[in-house]
Amino acid sequence: MAGTPRRLALSASSDFPEAVELVTRLYDQFGFDTVDNSPLSESWRSGPGQPAWNAHEHQSRDELIANLAKARRTA
């Protein structure tokens, strides 16, 4: 159930809100919470080497939000 404590979360980034809504419904059906990381230009925050990427196998919605905020661009 969405919002359940310790339920794992995945991010979605898009320039189209309806796409994020669709992905959110799909993730929910698969048993995941969703964090909207839009617009698409912010998708780097969940990329390789970033905190959200490194913790992708075991982060809750709150942890994913925090990890996306910790992301830092590299050269």
C-alpha atoms as a PDB file:
ATOM      1  CA  MET A   1       0.000   0.000   0.000  1.00  0.00           C
ATOM      2  CA  ALA A   2       1.371   3.432  -0.945  1.00  0.00           C
ATOM      3  CA  GLY A   3       3.038   5.261   1.913  1.00  0.00           C
ATOM      4  CA  THR A   4       3.546   2.146   4.019  1.00  0.00           C
ATOM      5  CA  PRO A   5       6.615   2.571   6.243  1.00  0.00           C
ATOM      6  CA  ARG A   6       9.745   1.004   4.766  1.00  0.00           C
ATOM      7  CA  ARG A   7       8.066   0.430   1.383  1.00  0.00           C
ATOM      8  CA  LEU A   8      10.752   0.804  -1.263  1.00  0.00           C
ATOM      9  CA  ALA A   9      10.626   3.789  -3.598  1.00  0.00           C
ATOM     10  CA  LEU A  10      11.711   4.650  -7.136  1.00  0.00           C
ATOM     11  CA  SER A  11      12.032   8.026  -8.810  1.00  0.00           C
ATOM     12  CA  ALA A  12      10.380   9.274 -11.981  1.00  0.00           C
ATOM     13  CA  SER A  13      11.519  12.295 -14.001  1.00  0.00           C
ATOM     14  CA  SER A  14       9.693  13.792 -16.961  1.00  0.00           C
ATOM     15  CA  ASP A  15       8.750  17.027 -18.644  1.00  0.00           C
ATOM     16  CA  PHE A  16       5.214  15.638 -18.911  1.00  0.00           C
ATOM     17  CA  PRO A  17       3.204  15.381 -15.664  1.00  0.00           C
ATOM     18  CA  GLU A  18       0.863  12.804 -17.210  1.00  0.00           C
ATOM     19  CA  ALA A  19       3.865  10.520 -17.799  1.00  0.00           C
ATOM     20  CA  VAL A  20       4.829  10.734 -14.126  1.00  0.00           C
ATOM     21  CA  GLU A  21       1.226   9.953 -13.176  1.00  0.00           C
ATOM     22  CA  LEU A  22       1.293   6.845 -15.383  1.00  0.00           C
ATOM     23  CA  VAL A  23       4.625   5.674 -13.986  1.00  0.00           C
ATOM     24  CA  THR A  24       3.378   6.312 -10.447  1.00  0.00           C
ATOM     25  CA  ARG A  25       0.355   4.068 -11.045  1.00  0.00           C
ATOM     26  CA  LEU A  26       2.584   1.337 -12.512  1.00  0.00           C
ATOM     27  CA  TYR A  27       5.126   1.537  -9.692  1.00  0.00           C
ATOM     28  CA  ASP A  28       2.267   1.293  -7.175  1.00  0.00           C
ATOM     29  CA  GLN A  29       0.966  -1.850  -8.900  1.00  0.00           C
ATOM     30  CA  PHE A  30       4.482  -3.317  -8.672  1.00  0.00           C
ATOM     31  CA  GLY A  31       4.676  -2.477  -4.960  1.00  0.00           C
ATOM     32  CA  PHE A  32       6.823   0.685  -4.980  1.00  0.00           C
ATOM     33  CA  ASP A  33       6.274   4.269  -3.876  1.00  0.00           C
ATOM     34  CA  THR A  34       7.214   7.025  -6.317  1.00  0.00           C
ATOM     35  CA  VAL A  35       9.192  10.212  -5.875  1.00  0.00           C
ATOM     36  CA  ASP A  36       8.617  12.793  -8.606  1.00  0.00           C
ATOM     37  CA  ASN A  37      12.059  14.052  -9.605  1.00  0.00           C
ATOM     38  CA  SER A  38      10.845  16.258 -12.462  1.00  0.00           C
ATOM     39  CA  PRO A  39      11.637  17.955 -14.734  1.00  0.00           C
ATOM     40  CA  LEU A  40      13.631  15.580 -16.901  1.00  0.00           C
ATOM     41  CA  SER A  41      16.651  17.892 -16.598  1.00  0.00           C
ATOM     42  CA  GLU A  42      16.881  16.819 -12.929  1.00  0.00           C
ATOM     43  CA  SER A  43      17.073  13.097 -13.735  1.00  0.00           C
ATOM     44  CA  TRP A  44      20.862  13.199 -13.242  1.00  0.00           C
ATOM     45  CA  ARG A  45      20.127  13.198  -9.491  1.00  0.00           C
ATOM     46  CA  SER A  46      19.260   9.501  -9.666  1.00  0.00           C
ATOM     47  CA  GLY A  47      22.103   8.561 -12.021  1.00  0.00           C
ATOM     48  CA  PRO A  48      25.185   6.383 -11.489  1.00  0.00           C
ATOM     49  CA  GLY A  49      27.377   7.428  -8.595  1.00  0.00           C
ATOM     50  CA  GLN A  50      24.717   9.588  -6.954  1.00  0.00           C
ATOM     51  CA  PRO A  51      23.356   8.753  -3.459  1.00  0.00           C
ATOM     52  CA  ALA A  52      19.957   7.672  -4.820  1.00  0.00           C
ATOM     53  CA  TRP A  53      21.635   5.312  -7.291  1.00  0.00           C
ATOM     54  CA  ASN A  54      23.938   3.825  -4.676  1.00  0.00           C
ATOM     55  CA  ALA A  55      21.017   3.090  -2.311  1.00  0.00           C
ATOM     56  CA  HIS A  56      18.472   2.063  -4.973  1.00  0.00           C
ATOM     57  CA  GLU A  57      17.933  -1.444  -3.603  1.00  0.00           C
ATOM     58  CA  HIS A  58      16.834  -0.406  -0.130  1.00  0.00           C
ATOM     59  CA  GLN A  59      15.464   3.113   0.221  1.00  0.00           C
ATOM     60  CA  SER A  60      12.075   4.270   1.389  1.00  0.00           C
ATOM     61  CA  ARG A  61      10.290   7.283  -0.074  1.00  0.00           C
ATOM     62  CA  ASP A  62      11.710   9.607   2.607  1.00  0.00           C
ATOM     63  CA  GLU A  63      15.210   8.217   2.107  1.00  0.00           C
ATOM     64  CA  LEU A  64      14.952   8.605  -1.666  1.00  0.00           C
ATOM     65  CA  ILE A  65      13.829  12.227  -1.297  1.00  0.00           C
ATOM     66  CA  ALA A  66      16.848  12.876   0.942  1.00  0.00           C
ATOM     67  CA  ASN A  67      19.228  11.085  -1.415  1.00  0.00           C
ATOM     68  CA  LEU A  68      17.986  13.032  -4.430  1.00  0.00           C
ATOM     69  CA  ALA A  69      18.585  16.257  -2.488  1.00  0.00           C
ATOM     70  CA  LYS A  70      22.154  15.141  -1.649  1.00  0.00           C
ATOM     71  CA  ALA A  71      23.078  14.678  -5.306  1.00  0.00           C
ATOM     72  CA  ARG A  72      25.971  16.767  -6.586  1.00  0.00           C
ATOM     73  CA  ARG A  73      26.915  17.345 -10.199  1.00  0.00           C
ATOM     74  CA  THR A  74      30.332  16.101 -11.198  1.00  0.00           C
ATOM     75  CA  ALA A  75      32.467  17.685 -13.887  1.00  0.00           C
END
